[in-house]
Amino acid sequence: MIIEVVHYHRPNGEARPDFTQIDETLAGQYNQLTDAGLRVTSEVLMSGEVSLTLEHPGLGDYDIEIVDNVPGAPVAAVERMVSRFDVAKLATWKALQ
């Protein structure tokens, strides 16, 4: 499944759409999180690592992983975040914001 990832670019954090492929078995979870208003974002940090988040544009970061910037690591992180997404936990998080 090809998904959109909003990538923030240096030096000013300009947001640009990008796309990546994740496992097809995660389509249901991914659709749930986008239906709930979340999106996947990425940013290469000054350390060279990659920060990946499930972000709510109005409420901020819901989930985050920081991984080495090596082939496969960012996609694996996105797949982990999508697979652990839980709509009930998101509702609790939103209520606390």
C-alpha atoms as a PDB file:
ATOM      1  CA  MET A   1       0.000   0.000   0.000  1.00  0.00           C
ATOM      2  CA  ILE A   2       1.374   3.423  -0.897  1.00  0.00           C
ATOM      3  CA  ILE A   3       0.794   6.104   1.727  1.00  0.00           C
ATOM      4  CA  GLU A   4       1.476   9.820   1.921  1.00  0.00           C
ATOM      5  CA  VAL A   5       4.134  11.071   4.333  1.00  0.00           C
ATOM      6  CA  VAL A   6       4.475  14.786   5.006  1.00  0.00           C
ATOM      7  CA  HIS A   7       8.231  15.439   5.019  1.00  0.00           C
ATOM      8  CA  TYR A   8       9.544  18.558   6.752  1.00  0.00           C
ATOM      9  CA  HIS A   9      12.630  19.931   4.999  1.00  0.00           C
ATOM     10  CA  ARG A  10      15.458  22.036   6.380  1.00  0.00           C
ATOM     11  CA  PRO A  11      16.227  24.808   6.943  1.00  0.00           C
ATOM     12  CA  ASN A  12      12.758  26.239   7.580  1.00  0.00           C
ATOM     13  CA  GLY A  13      10.631  23.115   8.009  1.00  0.00           C
ATOM     14  CA  GLU A  14       8.844  23.440   4.693  1.00  0.00           C
ATOM     15  CA  ALA A  15       6.280  20.632   4.468  1.00  0.00           C
ATOM     16  CA  ARG A  16       6.241  18.636   1.230  1.00  0.00           C
ATOM     17  CA  PRO A  17       4.259  15.509   0.430  1.00  0.00           C
ATOM     18  CA  ASP A  18       6.197  12.317  -0.154  1.00  0.00           C
ATOM     19  CA  PHE A  19       5.071   8.722  -0.574  1.00  0.00           C
ATOM     20  CA  THR A  20       6.222   5.378   0.765  1.00  0.00           C
ATOM     21  CA  GLN A  21       5.079   1.787   0.570  1.00  0.00           C
ATOM     22  CA  ILE A  22       3.953  -0.115   3.661  1.00  0.00           C
ATOM     23  CA  ASP A  23       2.706  -3.666   4.082  1.00  0.00           C
ATOM     24  CA  GLU A  24      -0.766  -4.212   2.573  1.00  0.00           C
ATOM     25  CA  THR A  25      -1.926  -5.922   5.783  1.00  0.00           C
ATOM     26  CA  LEU A  26      -1.804  -2.502   7.506  1.00  0.00           C
ATOM     27  CA  ALA A  27      -4.370  -0.883   5.182  1.00  0.00           C
ATOM     28  CA  GLY A  28      -7.220  -1.118   7.705  1.00  0.00           C
ATOM     29  CA  GLN A  29      -5.182   0.388  10.534  1.00  0.00           C
ATOM     30  CA  TYR A  30      -3.822   3.107   8.266  1.00  0.00           C
ATOM     31  CA  ASN A  31      -7.310   4.022   7.050  1.00  0.00           C
ATOM     32  CA  GLN A  32      -8.529   4.189  10.665  1.00  0.00           C
ATOM     33  CA  LEU A  33      -5.806   6.627  11.652  1.00  0.00           C
ATOM     34  CA  THR A  34      -6.307   8.879   8.643  1.00  0.00           C
ATOM     35  CA  ASP A  35     -10.094   8.796   9.178  1.00  0.00           C
ATOM     36  CA  ALA A  36      -9.374   9.954  12.755  1.00  0.00           C
ATOM     37  CA  GLY A  37      -7.469  12.981  11.420  1.00  0.00           C
ATOM     38  CA  LEU A  38      -3.880  11.743  11.823  1.00  0.00           C
ATOM     39  CA  ARG A  39      -1.139  11.874   9.216  1.00  0.00           C
ATOM     40  CA  VAL A  40       2.378  10.445   8.977  1.00  0.00           C
ATOM     41  CA  THR A  41       5.231  12.959   9.087  1.00  0.00           C
ATOM     42  CA  SER A  42       9.004  12.689   8.820  1.00  0.00           C
ATOM     43  CA  GLU A  43      11.993  14.908   9.377  1.00  0.00           C
ATOM     44  CA  VAL A  44      15.726  14.324   9.177  1.00  0.00           C
ATOM     45  CA  LEU A  45      17.221  15.606  12.436  1.00  0.00           C
ATOM     46  CA  MET A  46      20.522  17.449  12.773  1.00  0.00           C
ATOM     47  CA  SER A  47      21.948  14.182  14.172  1.00  0.00           C
ATOM     48  CA  GLY A  48      21.167  12.505  10.845  1.00  0.00           C
ATOM     49  CA  GLU A  49      18.481  10.329  12.429  1.00  0.00           C
ATOM     50  CA  VAL A  50      14.904  10.385  11.160  1.00  0.00           C
ATOM     51  CA  SER A  51      11.966  11.434  13.321  1.00  0.00           C
ATOM     52  CA  LEU A  52       8.667   9.876  12.248  1.00  0.00           C
ATOM     53  CA  THR A  53       5.342  10.788  13.806  1.00  0.00           C
ATOM     54  CA  LEU A  54       1.653  10.168  13.692  1.00  0.00           C
ATOM     55  CA  GLU A  55       0.545  13.774  13.899  1.00  0.00           C
ATOM     56  CA  HIS A  56      -2.797  15.457  14.386  1.00  0.00           C
ATOM     57  CA  PRO A  57      -2.521  18.826  12.607  1.00  0.00           C
ATOM     58  CA  GLY A  58      -4.469  20.645  15.327  1.00  0.00           C
ATOM     59  CA  LEU A  59      -3.327  18.742  18.418  1.00  0.00           C
ATOM     60  CA  GLY A  60       0.291  17.754  17.755  1.00  0.00           C
ATOM     61  CA  ASP A  61       2.244  14.502  17.796  1.00  0.00           C
ATOM     62  CA  TYR A  62       0.316  11.412  18.864  1.00  0.00           C
ATOM     63  CA  ASP A  63       3.105   8.836  18.358  1.00  0.00           C
ATOM     64  CA  ILE A  64       6.789   9.160  17.495  1.00  0.00           C
ATOM     65  CA  GLU A  65       9.810   7.033  16.654  1.00  0.00           C
ATOM     66  CA  ILE A  66      13.362   8.183  16.005  1.00  0.00           C
ATOM     67  CA  VAL A  67      15.411   5.801  13.885  1.00  0.00           C
ATOM     68  CA  ASP A  68      18.747   5.640  12.111  1.00  0.00           C
ATOM     69  CA  ASN A  69      18.650   7.032   8.586  1.00  0.00           C
ATOM     70  CA  VAL A  70      19.459   3.717   6.910  1.00  0.00           C
ATOM     71  CA  PRO A  71      17.530   1.832   4.235  1.00  0.00           C
ATOM     72  CA  GLY A  72      14.403   0.202   5.619  1.00  0.00           C
ATOM     73  CA  ALA A  73      14.462   1.770   9.091  1.00  0.00           C
ATOM     74  CA  PRO A  74      11.998   4.635   8.433  1.00  0.00           C
ATOM     75  CA  VAL A  75       9.477   2.363   6.704  1.00  0.00           C
ATOM     76  CA  ALA A  76       9.737  -0.197   9.510  1.00  0.00           C
ATOM     77  CA  ALA A  77       9.071   2.572  12.051  1.00  0.00           C
ATOM     78  CA  VAL A  78       5.990   3.751  10.149  1.00  0.00           C
ATOM     79  CA  GLU A  79       4.713   0.172   9.992  1.00  0.00           C
ATOM     80  CA  ARG A  80       5.208  -0.256  13.763  1.00  0.00           C
ATOM     81  CA  MET A  81       3.330   2.974  14.512  1.00  0.00           C
ATOM     82  CA  VAL A  82       0.476   2.064  12.165  1.00  0.00           C
ATOM     83  CA  SER A  83       0.229  -1.473  13.559  1.00  0.00           C
ATOM     84  CA  ARG A  84      -0.020  -0.264  17.174  1.00  0.00           C
ATOM     85  CA  PHE A  85      -2.571   2.458  16.412  1.00  0.00           C
ATOM     86  CA  ASP A  86      -5.701   2.134  18.558  1.00  0.00           C
ATOM     87  CA  VAL A  87      -8.698   4.390  17.942  1.00  0.00           C
ATOM     88  CA  ALA A  88      -9.855   4.116  21.589  1.00  0.00           C
ATOM     89  CA  LYS A  89      -6.442   5.269  22.857  1.00  0.00           C
ATOM     90  CA  LEU A  90      -6.540   8.150  20.375  1.00  0.00           C
ATOM     91  CA  ALA A  91      -9.948   9.215  21.743  1.00  0.00           C
ATOM     92  CA  THR A  92      -8.495   9.265  25.276  1.00  0.00           C
ATOM     93  CA  TRP A  93      -5.485  11.259  24.080  1.00  0.00           C
ATOM     94  CA  LYS A  94      -7.722  13.770  22.293  1.00  0.00           C
ATOM     95  CA  ALA A  95      -9.831  14.206  25.438  1.00  0.00           C
ATOM     96  CA  LEU A  96      -6.697  15.087  27.426  1.00  0.00           C
ATOM     97  CA  GLN A  97      -5.542  17.775  24.987  1.00  0.00           C
END
